[in-house]
């Protein structure tokens, strides 16, 4: 019986979570036009520019997934020095 109660509570929590997210999406979609107009005015750009900006941002974020080779080499060198001095 306790397991059934836990499942019921979890189901209710999940249902509420999904419902609240759905309401939030509806609000965002309702306000999207105004938000886009504000963004156009502030950034002094056109609505057609946003997909390109998004693509550029995604490329930039992808480039941050790995450390630059110079940094990796420096870290490896520092670790090698540390091991060397610890072994003495």
C-alpha atoms as a PDB file:
ATOM      1  CA  UNK A   1       0.000   0.000   0.000  1.00  0.00           C
ATOM      2  CA  UNK A   2       2.859   2.388   0.810  1.00  0.00           C
ATOM      3  CA  UNK A   3       4.406   1.792  -2.617  1.00  0.00           C
ATOM      4  CA  UNK A   4       1.110   2.688  -4.276  1.00  0.00           C
ATOM      5  CA  UNK A   5       0.907   5.899  -2.246  1.00  0.00           C
ATOM      6  CA  UNK A   6       4.457   6.853  -3.220  1.00  0.00           C
ATOM      7  CA  UNK A   7       3.704   6.182  -6.886  1.00  0.00           C
ATOM      8  CA  UNK A   8       0.537   8.266  -6.670  1.00  0.00           C
ATOM      9  CA  UNK A   9       2.412  11.186  -5.093  1.00  0.00           C
ATOM     10  CA  UNK A  10       5.200  10.969  -7.676  1.00  0.00           C
ATOM     11  CA  UNK A  11       2.651  10.862 -10.485  1.00  0.00           C
ATOM     12  CA  UNK A  12       0.903  13.922  -9.100  1.00  0.00           C
ATOM     13  CA  UNK A  13       4.203  15.786  -8.746  1.00  0.00           C
ATOM     14  CA  UNK A  14       5.213  14.914 -12.299  1.00  0.00           C
ATOM     15  CA  UNK A  15       1.812  15.927 -13.646  1.00  0.00           C
ATOM     16  CA  UNK A  16       2.050  19.263 -11.839  1.00  0.00           C
ATOM     17  CA  UNK A  17       5.596  19.798 -13.126  1.00  0.00           C
ATOM     18  CA  UNK A  18       4.515  19.157 -16.717  1.00  0.00           C
ATOM     19  CA  UNK A  19       1.450  21.370 -16.336  1.00  0.00           C
ATOM     20  CA  UNK A  20       3.487  24.272 -14.935  1.00  0.00           C
ATOM     21  CA  UNK A  21       6.036  23.939 -17.746  1.00  0.00           C
ATOM     22  CA  UNK A  22       3.219  23.912 -20.305  1.00  0.00           C
ATOM     23  CA  UNK A  23       1.787  27.111 -18.801  1.00  0.00           C
ATOM     24  CA  UNK A  24       5.226  28.714 -18.872  1.00  0.00           C
ATOM     25  CA  UNK A  25       5.670  27.830 -22.552  1.00  0.00           C
ATOM     26  CA  UNK A  26       2.295  29.362 -23.363  1.00  0.00           C
ATOM     27  CA  UNK A  27       3.299  32.581 -21.585  1.00  0.00           C
ATOM     28  CA  UNK A  28       6.618  32.686 -23.422  1.00  0.00           C
ATOM     29  CA  UNK A  29       4.926  32.182 -26.778  1.00  0.00           C
ATOM     30  CA  UNK A  30       2.375  34.870 -25.950  1.00  0.00           C
ATOM     31  CA  UNK A  31       5.113  37.376 -25.071  1.00  0.00           C
ATOM     32  CA  UNK A  32       7.526  36.310 -27.816  1.00  0.00           C
ATOM     33  CA  UNK A  33       6.496  39.032 -30.243  1.00  0.00           C
ATOM     34  CA  UNK A  34       7.096  41.778 -27.704  1.00  0.00           C
ATOM     35  CA  UNK A  35      10.392  40.246 -26.563  1.00  0.00           C
ATOM     36  CA  UNK A  36      11.608  39.967 -30.154  1.00  0.00           C
ATOM     37  CA  UNK A  37      10.718  43.623 -30.810  1.00  0.00           C
ATOM     38  CA  UNK A  38      12.640  44.711 -27.725  1.00  0.00           C
ATOM     39  CA  UNK A  39      15.630  42.571 -28.745  1.00  0.00           C
ATOM     40  CA  UNK A  40      15.549  44.047 -32.250  1.00  0.00           C
ATOM     41  CA  UNK A  41      15.561  47.581 -30.859  1.00  0.00           C
ATOM     42  CA  UNK A  42      18.243  46.977 -28.244  1.00  0.00           C
ATOM     43  CA  UNK A  43      20.592  45.008 -30.509  1.00  0.00           C
ATOM     44  CA  UNK A  44      19.724  47.098 -33.564  1.00  0.00           C
ATOM     45  CA  UNK A  45      19.255  44.037 -35.707  1.00  0.00           C
ATOM     46  CA  UNK A  46      16.545  42.296 -37.685  1.00  0.00           C
ATOM     47  CA  UNK A  47      14.515  39.250 -36.736  1.00  0.00           C
ATOM     48  CA  UNK A  48      16.153  37.375 -39.613  1.00  0.00           C
ATOM     49  CA  UNK A  49      19.552  37.790 -37.895  1.00  0.00           C
ATOM     50  CA  UNK A  50      18.607  35.762 -34.809  1.00  0.00           C
ATOM     51  CA  UNK A  51      18.964  32.268 -36.338  1.00  0.00           C
ATOM     52  CA  UNK A  52      22.466  33.184 -37.521  1.00  0.00           C
ATOM     53  CA  UNK A  53      23.341  34.551 -34.072  1.00  0.00           C
ATOM     54  CA  UNK A  54      22.072  31.330 -32.503  1.00  0.00           C
ATOM     55  CA  UNK A  55      24.185  29.228 -34.863  1.00  0.00           C
ATOM     56  CA  UNK A  56      27.274  31.334 -34.094  1.00  0.00           C
ATOM     57  CA  UNK A  57      26.664  30.970 -30.365  1.00  0.00           C
ATOM     58  CA  UNK A  58      26.257  27.198 -30.660  1.00  0.00           C
ATOM     59  CA  UNK A  59      29.526  26.949 -32.611  1.00  0.00           C
ATOM     60  CA  UNK A  60      31.270  29.040 -29.966  1.00  0.00           C
ATOM     61  CA  UNK A  61      29.906  26.901 -27.125  1.00  0.00           C
ATOM     62  CA  UNK A  62      30.976  23.739 -28.957  1.00  0.00           C
ATOM     63  CA  UNK A  63      34.494  25.159 -29.197  1.00  0.00           C
ATOM     64  CA  UNK A  64      34.596  25.458 -25.397  1.00  0.00           C
ATOM     65  CA  UNK A  65      34.026  21.740 -24.832  1.00  0.00           C
ATOM     66  CA  UNK A  66      37.728  20.945 -25.075  1.00  0.00           C
ATOM     67  CA  UNK A  67      40.673  22.839 -23.639  1.00  0.00           C
ATOM     68  CA  UNK A  68      42.990  24.501 -26.150  1.00  0.00           C
ATOM     69  CA  UNK A  69      46.032  22.329 -26.960  1.00  0.00           C
ATOM     70  CA  UNK A  70      48.419  24.924 -25.460  1.00  0.00           C
ATOM     71  CA  UNK A  71      46.616  24.761 -22.118  1.00  0.00           C
ATOM     72  CA  UNK A  72      46.598  20.964 -22.148  1.00  0.00           C
ATOM     73  CA  UNK A  73      50.351  20.936 -22.845  1.00  0.00           C
ATOM     74  CA  UNK A  74      51.014  23.380 -19.994  1.00  0.00           C
ATOM     75  CA  UNK A  75      48.969  21.307 -17.545  1.00  0.00           C
ATOM     76  CA  UNK A  76      50.739  18.097 -18.577  1.00  0.00           C
ATOM     77  CA  UNK A  77      54.105  19.825 -18.180  1.00  0.00           C
ATOM     78  CA  UNK A  78      53.172  21.104 -14.715  1.00  0.00           C
ATOM     79  CA  UNK A  79      51.996  17.636 -13.686  1.00  0.00           C
ATOM     80  CA  UNK A  80      55.244  16.087 -14.961  1.00  0.00           C
ATOM     81  CA  UNK A  81      57.294  18.628 -12.964  1.00  0.00           C
ATOM     82  CA  UNK A  82      55.232  17.911  -9.865  1.00  0.00           C
ATOM     83  CA  UNK A  83      55.804  14.160 -10.213  1.00  0.00           C
ATOM     84  CA  UNK A  84      59.514  14.745 -10.789  1.00  0.00           C
ATOM     85  CA  UNK A  85      59.944  16.863  -7.653  1.00  0.00           C
ATOM     86  CA  UNK A  86      57.800  14.509  -5.567  1.00  0.00           C
ATOM     87  CA  UNK A  87      59.949  11.556  -6.597  1.00  0.00           C
ATOM     88  CA  UNK A  88      63.139  13.185  -5.248  1.00  0.00           C
END
